């Protein structure tokens, strides 16, 4: 009996050592691939307050994306987002939205031209991306989330293009003057029945200039009409698979097929409620309980997201500043909570990549985080943890060539094709 026990212990020790060696080999393989491919994250929100001489992305700020975190996580390219929330379709609303958009364009230019030009450059073509990466620099690209700030002046599309924008979505949460939003699905309430007449002109203008059309927020009918009208491929800059998670921000199988036939790409998003809503809701409810308890002790009241959205930008910034302090204080309790209530993680995220690749092929799938805009999952909660995505892809048998396509080559291919169409036009 003693002999059998000793034998079993020796067997398990050998098995564990072998498994550990296999893990180390996989990690080494993944590390080599991660260092070699160009890693592009197509959706990172910004706050203009982090683009000043005193406070900026050269510092490891309390943001999910900044240069130190990109360096640590091996991220080459960040698409910084000129985001404007939806407001009234009035001249006053358009004016305010335009000013907000311009302030964000200026912030990105300040980073790449004044604050840290030796560390990060602005790219507008795939060749500029490759050149900057070859120089050892990080790369910023610009996407516009919500076409609302162009108002009714189609000339603003070219202004945004000239400022570096290389993709734009025509709506966000709420119908814009250009097209219906996915949010109309909730009550089956629509403003245009897809694209407005102005929206159709904007699609043509984006084709003419060489700006990618982003269908992550517009409605399904808006997307269908965009594909019908566009002479160039489209992108979904931050969406996942509706077949795995039934959320209106995700693309269903029919939309995926349209995107494949169009030659476009869907950038799978690490936004936990779009990856697994049930798992997200269960963990969120448990975590918010912890935040509320910790917040109460320091005089902070946790609010619903809709209440935070209704705040002025200044009030919102102040709220999030305090919320970040509470999150820090609550961290030990949250870590312990994960043992009982598992959060959405990298494996759940890569399940979406697997699904999308199976449905429409490796050439039409990419990766995005939506960091600093609500994105982040266990294992990829900021840019410093980006390697974990590559590691999971390697564990699932993806080759270096396939991983290169997922991390950026597919997106650059679409950008090239969109710009080639513009040259013809």
Protein backbone atom coordinates (compact mmCIF):
# COMPACT_ATOMS: atom_id res chain seq x y z
CA UNK A 1 0.00 0.00 0.00
CA UNK A 2 2.84 2.37 0.90
CA UNK A 3 4.54 1.54 -2.42
CA UNK A 4 1.34 2.39 -4.36
CA UNK A 5 1.00 5.77 -2.56
CA UNK A 6 4.63 6.65 -3.26
CA UNK A 7 4.18 5.65 -6.91
CA UNK A 8 1.03 7.81 -7.26
CA UNK A 9 2.74 10.81 -5.66
CA UNK A 10 5.69 10.43 -8.03
CA UNK A 11 3.32 10.10 -11.02
CA UNK A 12 1.37 13.25 -10.12
CA UNK A 13 4.59 15.18 -9.47
CA UNK A 14 5.90 14.17 -12.91
CA UNK A 15 2.56 15.00 -14.55
CA UNK A 16 2.48 18.44 -12.86
CA UNK A 17 6.07 19.17 -13.90
CA UNK A 18 5.27 18.17 -17.50
CA UNK A 19 2.15 20.37 -17.55
CA UNK A 20 4.15 23.28 -16.13
CA UNK A 21 6.80 22.82 -18.83
CA UNK A 22 4.10 22.75 -21.52
CA UNK A 23 2.61 25.98 -20.11
CA UNK A 24 6.02 27.65 -20.10
CA UNK A 25 6.64 26.59 -23.71
CA UNK A 26 3.23 27.93 -24.75
CA UNK A 27 3.91 31.20 -22.97
CA UNK A 28 7.31 31.54 -24.63
CA UNK A 29 5.75 30.84 -28.04
CA UNK A 30 2.97 33.38 -27.37
CA UNK A 31 5.50 35.98 -26.21
CA UNK A 32 7.49 35.67 -29.45
CA UNK A 33 4.32 36.02 -31.54
CA UNK A 34 3.05 38.96 -29.47
CA UNK A 35 6.36 40.81 -29.87
CA UNK A 36 6.44 40.19 -33.63
CA UNK A 37 2.90 41.08 -34.79
CA UNK A 38 1.45 44.60 -34.94
CA UNK A 39 -1.13 44.85 -32.15
CA UNK A 40 -3.97 47.27 -32.86
CA UNK A 41 -6.78 48.11 -30.43
CA UNK A 42 -9.47 49.91 -32.42
CA UNK A 43 -11.42 51.64 -29.64
CA UNK A 44 -10.07 53.61 -26.66
CA UNK A 45 -11.96 56.59 -25.25
CA UNK A 46 -10.20 59.70 -23.99
CA UNK A 47 -10.68 62.53 -21.51
CA UNK A 48 -9.13 65.84 -22.69
CA UNK A 49 -8.00 66.54 -19.10
CA UNK A 50 -5.38 63.80 -19.59
CA UNK A 51 -3.78 65.61 -22.53
CA UNK A 52 -2.18 68.57 -20.78
CA UNK A 53 1.46 69.44 -20.07
CA UNK A 54 0.95 68.47 -16.40
CA UNK A 55 -1.22 65.35 -16.83
CA UNK A 56 -0.77 63.19 -19.89
CA UNK A 57 -0.25 59.72 -21.36
CA UNK A 58 3.52 59.69 -20.77
CA UNK A 59 2.54 59.03 -17.14
CA UNK A 60 0.99 55.83 -15.78
CA UNK A 61 -2.30 57.56 -15.05
CA UNK A 62 -5.34 55.91 -13.52
CA UNK A 63 -6.57 55.20 -17.07
CA UNK A 64 -6.80 51.85 -18.84
CA UNK A 65 -4.69 53.20 -21.70
CA UNK A 66 -1.52 55.30 -21.55
CA UNK A 67 2.02 54.93 -22.90
CA UNK A 68 3.50 53.02 -19.90
CA UNK A 69 0.60 50.53 -19.98
CA UNK A 70 0.88 50.16 -23.77
CA UNK A 71 4.60 49.50 -23.38
CA UNK A 72 4.06 46.92 -20.65
CA UNK A 73 1.30 45.12 -22.57
CA UNK A 74 2.97 45.27 -25.98
CA UNK A 75 0.26 47.37 -27.65
CA UNK A 76 1.49 49.07 -30.82
CA UNK A 77 -1.53 51.05 -31.99
CA UNK A 78 -4.34 52.73 -30.06
CA UNK A 79 -7.32 54.22 -31.88
CA UNK A 80 -8.15 57.24 -29.72
CA UNK A 81 -11.82 58.13 -29.94
CA UNK A 82 -13.47 61.47 -30.62
CA UNK A 83 -16.71 60.59 -28.84
CA UNK A 84 -19.76 62.81 -28.46
CA UNK A 85 -22.92 61.73 -26.63
CA UNK A 86 -26.24 62.11 -28.42
CA UNK A 87 -28.21 65.30 -27.74
CA UNK A 88 -30.97 67.30 -29.39
CA UNK A 89 -31.02 67.63 -33.18
CA UNK A 90 -30.86 71.43 -33.08
CA UNK A 91 -28.31 74.06 -34.24
CA UNK A 92 -27.36 74.66 -30.59
CA UNK A 93 -26.89 70.92 -30.02
CA UNK A 94 -24.75 70.55 -33.16
CA UNK A 95 -22.59 73.56 -32.21
CA UNK A 96 -21.87 72.21 -28.73
CA UNK A 97 -21.15 68.72 -30.14
CA UNK A 98 -18.78 70.14 -32.77
CA UNK A 99 -16.84 72.06 -30.11
CA UNK A 100 -16.56 68.87 -28.02
CA UNK A 101 -15.26 66.91 -31.02
CA UNK A 102 -12.69 69.57 -31.93
CA UNK A 103 -11.39 69.65 -28.33
CA UNK A 104 -10.70 65.90 -28.57
CA UNK A 105 -8.99 66.16 -31.96
CA UNK A 106 -6.81 68.92 -30.52
CA UNK A 107 -5.97 66.80 -27.47
CA UNK A 108 -4.76 63.89 -29.63
CA UNK A 109 -2.66 66.22 -31.79
CA UNK A 110 -1.21 67.78 -28.65
CA UNK A 111 -0.07 64.34 -27.45
CA UNK A 112 1.56 63.35 -30.75
CA UNK A 113 2.98 66.76 -31.73
CA UNK A 114 3.83 68.58 -28.48
CA UNK A 115 3.74 66.31 -25.43
CA UNK A 116 5.39 63.09 -26.66
CA UNK A 117 6.31 63.20 -30.38
CA UNK A 118 9.42 61.07 -29.71
CA UNK A 119 7.25 58.32 -28.19
CA UNK A 120 4.01 58.28 -30.20
CA UNK A 121 3.04 59.41 -33.69
CA UNK A 122 -0.28 59.95 -35.46
CA UNK A 123 -0.94 57.60 -38.40
CA UNK A 124 -3.54 57.96 -41.14
CA UNK A 125 -2.47 55.07 -43.43
CA UNK A 126 -1.29 51.49 -42.98
CA UNK A 127 2.16 52.48 -44.24
CA UNK A 128 2.45 55.21 -41.60
CA UNK A 129 1.52 52.60 -38.98
CA UNK A 130 4.27 50.27 -40.17
CA UNK A 131 6.83 53.09 -40.39
CA UNK A 132 6.14 54.32 -36.85
CA UNK A 133 6.26 50.78 -35.43
CA UNK A 134 9.57 50.21 -37.24
CA UNK A 135 10.91 53.39 -35.59
CA UNK A 136 10.02 51.91 -32.19
CA UNK A 137 7.21 54.39 -31.55
CA UNK A 138 3.69 53.83 -30.35
CA UNK A 139 0.95 54.81 -32.80
CA UNK A 140 -2.23 56.84 -32.36
CA UNK A 141 -5.06 56.71 -34.87
CA UNK A 142 -8.35 58.58 -34.66
CA UNK A 143 -11.91 57.27 -34.83
CA UNK A 144 -15.07 59.35 -34.46
CA UNK A 145 -17.82 57.77 -32.36
CA UNK A 146 -21.08 59.42 -33.40
CA UNK A 147 -21.45 61.57 -36.51
CA UNK A 148 -23.70 63.94 -34.54
CA UNK A 149 -21.00 66.70 -34.29
CA UNK A 150 -20.93 67.23 -38.06
CA UNK A 151 -24.41 68.74 -37.71
CA UNK A 152 -26.00 69.41 -41.08
CA UNK A 153 -22.79 70.66 -42.71
CA UNK A 154 -21.33 67.85 -44.82
CA UNK A 155 -18.14 69.90 -45.11
CA UNK A 156 -17.37 68.89 -41.52
CA UNK A 157 -16.72 65.32 -42.70
CA UNK A 158 -13.68 66.59 -44.61
CA UNK A 159 -12.65 68.76 -41.64
CA UNK A 160 -12.62 65.65 -39.43
CA UNK A 161 -10.78 63.68 -42.12
CA UNK A 162 -8.16 66.43 -42.41
CA UNK A 163 -7.71 66.30 -38.62
CA UNK A 164 -6.85 62.60 -38.92
CA UNK A 165 -10.16 60.74 -38.51
CA UNK A 166 -10.06 57.44 -40.39
CA UNK A 167 -13.33 55.95 -39.21
CA UNK A 168 -16.66 57.32 -38.07
CA UNK A 169 -19.93 55.83 -36.83
CA UNK A 170 -23.03 57.73 -37.91
CA UNK A 171 -24.82 57.37 -34.55
CA UNK A 172 -24.30 56.38 -30.92
CA UNK A 173 -26.88 55.73 -28.16
CA UNK A 174 -29.88 57.48 -29.69
CA UNK A 175 -30.87 58.36 -33.26
CA UNK A 176 -28.73 61.06 -34.86
CA UNK A 177 -29.54 63.32 -37.80
CA UNK A 178 -27.66 60.78 -39.98
CA UNK A 179 -29.11 57.39 -39.05
CA UNK A 180 -31.00 55.27 -36.56
CA UNK A 181 -29.18 53.76 -33.59
CA UNK A 182 -29.28 50.19 -32.31
CA UNK A 183 -30.99 51.63 -29.21
CA UNK A 184 -34.25 51.94 -31.19
CA UNK A 185 -34.57 48.17 -31.00
CA UNK A 186 -35.64 48.31 -27.34
CA UNK A 187 -39.01 49.97 -28.07
CA UNK A 188 -39.08 49.50 -31.85
CA UNK A 189 -38.95 53.28 -32.27
CA UNK A 190 -37.14 54.66 -35.31
CA UNK A 191 -36.50 58.13 -36.68
CA UNK A 192 -35.39 57.50 -40.27
CA UNK A 193 -36.03 53.84 -41.01
CA UNK A 194 -32.24 53.43 -41.45
CA UNK A 195 -30.23 56.26 -43.02
CA UNK A 196 -31.52 59.81 -43.39
CA UNK A 197 -31.01 61.59 -46.73
CA UNK A 198 -28.10 63.50 -45.15
CA UNK A 199 -26.74 60.19 -43.82
CA UNK A 200 -26.69 58.76 -47.34
CA UNK A 201 -24.68 61.78 -48.52
CA UNK A 202 -22.26 61.31 -45.61
CA UNK A 203 -21.69 57.66 -46.58
CA UNK A 204 -20.80 58.79 -50.13
CA UNK A 205 -18.54 61.53 -48.78
CA UNK A 206 -16.72 59.09 -46.49
CA UNK A 207 -16.16 56.81 -49.50
CA UNK A 208 -14.85 59.77 -51.49
CA UNK A 209 -12.40 60.81 -48.77
CA UNK A 210 -11.24 57.35 -47.68
CA UNK A 211 -12.76 57.20 -44.19
CA UNK A 212 -13.97 53.82 -42.90
CA UNK A 213 -17.67 53.57 -42.02
CA UNK A 214 -18.19 52.11 -38.53
CA UNK A 215 -21.41 50.19 -37.98
CA UNK A 216 -20.96 49.32 -34.27
CA UNK A 217 -23.73 51.64 -33.01
CA UNK A 218 -26.14 52.15 -35.94
CA UNK A 219 -29.27 49.98 -36.27
CA UNK A 220 -29.39 46.79 -38.32
CA UNK A 221 -31.40 48.53 -41.06
CA UNK A 222 -28.91 51.42 -41.08
CA UNK A 223 -26.11 48.89 -41.57
CA UNK A 224 -27.98 47.16 -44.39
CA UNK A 225 -28.45 50.47 -46.21
CA UNK A 226 -24.82 51.50 -45.63
CA UNK A 227 -23.59 48.26 -47.16
CA UNK A 228 -25.95 48.72 -50.12
CA UNK A 229 -24.71 52.27 -50.68
CA UNK A 230 -21.00 52.04 -49.83
CA UNK A 231 -18.45 51.27 -52.52
CA UNK A 232 -15.91 50.31 -49.83
CA UNK A 233 -15.77 47.73 -47.00
CA UNK A 234 -17.18 48.63 -43.58
CA UNK A 235 -15.99 47.94 -40.05
CA UNK A 236 -17.62 47.28 -36.69
CA UNK A 237 -15.02 49.00 -34.50
CA UNK A 238 -16.18 47.42 -31.23
CA UNK A 239 -18.88 44.75 -31.36
CA UNK A 240 -19.13 41.04 -30.60
CA UNK A 241 -21.25 38.06 -31.69
CA UNK A 242 -24.98 38.16 -31.04
CA UNK A 243 -25.10 34.39 -31.50
CA UNK A 244 -23.24 34.10 -28.18
CA UNK A 245 -24.62 37.16 -26.39
CA UNK A 246 -28.03 38.55 -27.34
CA UNK A 247 -27.28 42.27 -27.05
CA UNK A 248 -28.32 44.82 -29.69
CA UNK A 249 -24.73 46.16 -29.79
CA UNK A 250 -23.57 42.80 -31.16
CA UNK A 251 -23.95 41.61 -34.76
CA UNK A 252 -26.28 38.72 -35.55
CA UNK A 253 -25.37 35.97 -38.03
CA UNK A 254 -27.12 37.74 -40.90
CA UNK A 255 -25.19 40.96 -40.26
CA UNK A 256 -21.96 38.98 -40.04
CA UNK A 257 -22.68 37.47 -43.45
CA UNK A 258 -23.32 40.95 -44.90
CA UNK A 259 -20.00 42.11 -43.45
CA UNK A 260 -18.15 39.13 -44.91
CA UNK A 261 -19.64 39.68 -48.38
CA UNK A 262 -18.78 43.38 -48.08
CA UNK A 263 -15.14 42.50 -47.28
CA UNK A 264 -15.27 44.25 -43.91
CA UNK A 265 -14.09 43.34 -40.42
CA UNK A 266 -15.69 43.06 -36.95
CA UNK A 267 -13.42 44.10 -34.07
CA UNK A 268 -14.50 41.78 -31.22
CA UNK A 269 -14.96 43.93 -28.11
CA UNK A 270 -13.89 43.14 -24.55
CA UNK A 271 -16.94 44.85 -23.04
CA UNK A 272 -18.14 42.38 -20.44
CA UNK A 273 -21.91 42.89 -20.86
CA UNK A 274 -21.57 42.34 -24.64
CA UNK A 275 -19.46 39.22 -24.07
CA UNK A 276 -21.72 37.49 -21.53
CA UNK A 277 -24.61 39.58 -20.18
CA UNK A 278 -25.76 37.09 -17.50
CA UNK A 279 -22.27 36.57 -16.09
CA UNK A 280 -21.63 40.33 -16.25
CA UNK A 281 -24.88 41.19 -14.43
CA UNK A 282 -24.29 38.65 -11.65
CA UNK A 283 -20.74 39.86 -11.00
CA UNK A 284 -21.68 43.53 -11.37
CA UNK A 285 -24.50 43.26 -8.83
CA UNK A 286 -22.14 41.61 -6.33
CA UNK A 287 -19.35 44.15 -6.95
CA UNK A 288 -21.67 47.16 -6.75
CA UNK A 289 -22.83 45.93 -3.36
CA UNK A 290 -19.18 45.99 -2.23
CA UNK A 291 -18.64 49.47 -3.77
CA UNK A 292 -21.79 50.79 -2.07
CA UNK A 293 -20.66 49.45 1.32
CA UNK A 294 -17.11 50.84 0.96
CA UNK A 295 -18.43 54.12 -0.51
CA UNK A 296 -20.80 54.64 2.42
CA UNK A 297 -17.86 54.59 4.83
CA UNK A 298 -16.11 57.44 2.95
CA UNK A 299 -19.21 59.44 2.06
CA UNK A 300 -19.55 58.34 -1.59
CA UNK A 301 -22.93 57.35 -3.10
CA UNK A 302 -22.84 54.84 -5.96
CA UNK A 303 -25.18 55.95 -8.79
CA UNK A 304 -26.89 54.21 -11.68
CA UNK A 305 -25.11 54.61 -15.03
CA UNK A 306 -28.12 56.51 -16.46
CA UNK A 307 -27.84 59.06 -13.60
CA UNK A 308 -24.12 59.52 -14.30
CA UNK A 309 -24.83 60.02 -18.02
CA UNK A 310 -27.32 62.78 -17.14
CA UNK A 311 -24.62 64.77 -15.33
CA UNK A 312 -22.69 67.68 -16.81
CA UNK A 313 -19.17 66.75 -18.01
CA UNK A 314 -17.67 68.49 -14.95
CA UNK A 315 -19.95 66.65 -12.51
CA UNK A 316 -19.25 63.35 -14.27
CA UNK A 317 -15.48 63.85 -14.05
CA UNK A 318 -15.75 64.64 -10.33
CA UNK A 319 -17.95 61.58 -9.75
CA UNK A 320 -15.55 59.22 -11.54
CA UNK A 321 -12.59 60.70 -9.67
CA UNK A 322 -14.21 59.76 -6.36
CA UNK A 323 -15.42 56.43 -7.73
CA UNK A 324 -11.85 55.46 -8.66
CA UNK A 325 -10.77 56.06 -5.06
CA UNK A 326 -13.58 53.81 -3.81
CA UNK A 327 -12.63 51.10 -6.31
CA UNK A 328 -9.06 51.18 -5.01
CA UNK A 329 -10.23 50.82 -1.42
CA UNK A 330 -12.59 47.99 -2.37
CA UNK A 331 -10.02 46.01 -4.38
CA UNK A 332 -9.15 43.38 -1.71
CA UNK A 333 -12.84 42.58 -1.16
CA UNK A 334 -13.51 42.43 -4.91
CA UNK A 335 -10.58 40.01 -5.43
CA UNK A 336 -12.01 37.71 -2.77
CA UNK A 337 -15.49 37.99 -4.32
CA UNK A 338 -14.21 36.58 -7.65
CA UNK A 339 -13.77 33.17 -6.04
CA UNK A 340 -17.55 32.96 -5.49
CA UNK A 341 -18.89 35.01 -8.44
CA UNK A 342 -16.64 34.65 -11.52
CA UNK A 343 -16.35 37.73 -13.75
CA UNK A 344 -16.36 37.71 -17.57
CA UNK A 345 -12.79 36.82 -18.59
CA UNK A 346 -10.37 36.42 -21.51
CA UNK A 347 -11.63 32.89 -22.22
CA UNK A 348 -15.20 34.18 -22.64
CA UNK A 349 -13.86 36.92 -24.93
CA UNK A 350 -11.88 34.52 -27.12
CA UNK A 351 -15.01 32.33 -27.36
CA UNK A 352 -16.45 35.23 -29.39
CA UNK A 353 -13.37 35.34 -31.61
CA UNK A 354 -13.70 31.56 -32.18
CA UNK A 355 -17.39 31.95 -33.05
CA UNK A 356 -16.78 34.85 -35.46
CA UNK A 357 -13.86 33.11 -37.19
CA UNK A 358 -15.98 29.99 -37.63
CA UNK A 359 -18.90 32.02 -39.04
CA UNK A 360 -17.14 34.43 -41.41
CA UNK A 361 -13.48 33.42 -41.58
CA UNK A 362 -10.20 34.64 -40.11
CA UNK A 363 -9.92 37.54 -42.62
CA UNK A 364 -12.92 39.38 -41.19
CA UNK A 365 -12.26 39.40 -37.44
CA UNK A 366 -10.23 41.77 -35.25
CA UNK A 367 -9.82 42.88 -31.62
CA UNK A 368 -10.85 45.91 -29.57
CA UNK A 369 -11.19 46.75 -25.88
CA UNK A 370 -13.34 49.91 -25.47
CA UNK A 371 -10.94 50.86 -22.67
CA UNK A 372 -11.76 54.05 -20.78
CA UNK A 373 -15.25 53.78 -22.24
CA UNK A 374 -16.60 50.92 -20.14
CA UNK A 375 -14.54 48.07 -21.61
CA UNK A 376 -12.37 45.61 -19.74
CA UNK A 377 -12.64 41.98 -18.63
CA UNK A 378 -10.84 39.78 -16.13
CA UNK A 379 -7.37 39.21 -17.57
CA UNK A 380 -7.59 42.16 -19.98
CA UNK A 381 -8.59 45.05 -17.79
CA UNK A 382 -6.14 47.56 -19.19
CA UNK A 383 -3.50 47.85 -21.93
CA UNK A 384 -0.78 46.37 -19.68
CA UNK A 385 -2.56 42.96 -19.75
CA UNK A 386 -2.87 42.73 -23.53
CA UNK A 387 -0.49 39.77 -23.84
CA UNK A 388 -3.10 37.57 -22.12
CA UNK A 389 -5.29 37.73 -25.23
CA UNK A 390 -2.46 36.47 -27.45
CA UNK A 391 -1.65 33.73 -24.93
CA UNK A 392 -5.26 32.48 -24.99
CA UNK A 393 -5.24 32.53 -28.82
CA UNK A 394 -2.03 30.45 -28.85
CA UNK A 395 -3.55 28.01 -26.35
CA UNK A 396 -6.44 27.51 -28.79
CA UNK A 397 -4.13 26.72 -31.68
CA UNK A 398 -4.13 29.96 -33.66
CA UNK A 399 -0.98 30.37 -35.78
CA UNK A 400 1.25 33.44 -35.89
CA UNK A 401 -0.22 34.43 -39.27
CA UNK A 402 -3.77 34.12 -37.93
CA UNK A 403 -2.94 36.07 -34.79
CA UNK A 404 -1.33 38.81 -36.89
CA UNK A 405 -4.57 39.09 -38.89
CA UNK A 406 -6.71 39.26 -35.74
CA UNK A 407 -4.48 41.82 -34.02
CA UNK A 408 -4.34 44.26 -36.91
CA UNK A 409 -3.62 43.06 -40.42
CA UNK A 410 -7.32 42.62 -41.23
CA UNK A 411 -8.10 46.15 -40.09
CA UNK A 412 -5.16 47.61 -42.07
CA UNK A 413 -6.29 45.67 -45.13
CA UNK A 414 -9.74 47.27 -44.91
CA UNK A 415 -8.18 50.71 -44.43
CA UNK A 416 -6.07 50.16 -47.55
CA UNK A 417 -9.13 49.08 -49.56
CA UNK A 418 -11.20 52.05 -48.37
CA UNK A 419 -8.40 54.43 -49.34
CA UNK A 420 -7.97 52.70 -52.71
CA UNK A 421 -11.70 53.25 -53.43
CA UNK A 422 -11.27 56.93 -52.52
CA UNK A 423 -8.40 57.28 -55.03
CA UNK A 424 -10.60 55.82 -57.79
CA UNK A 425 -13.49 58.10 -56.87
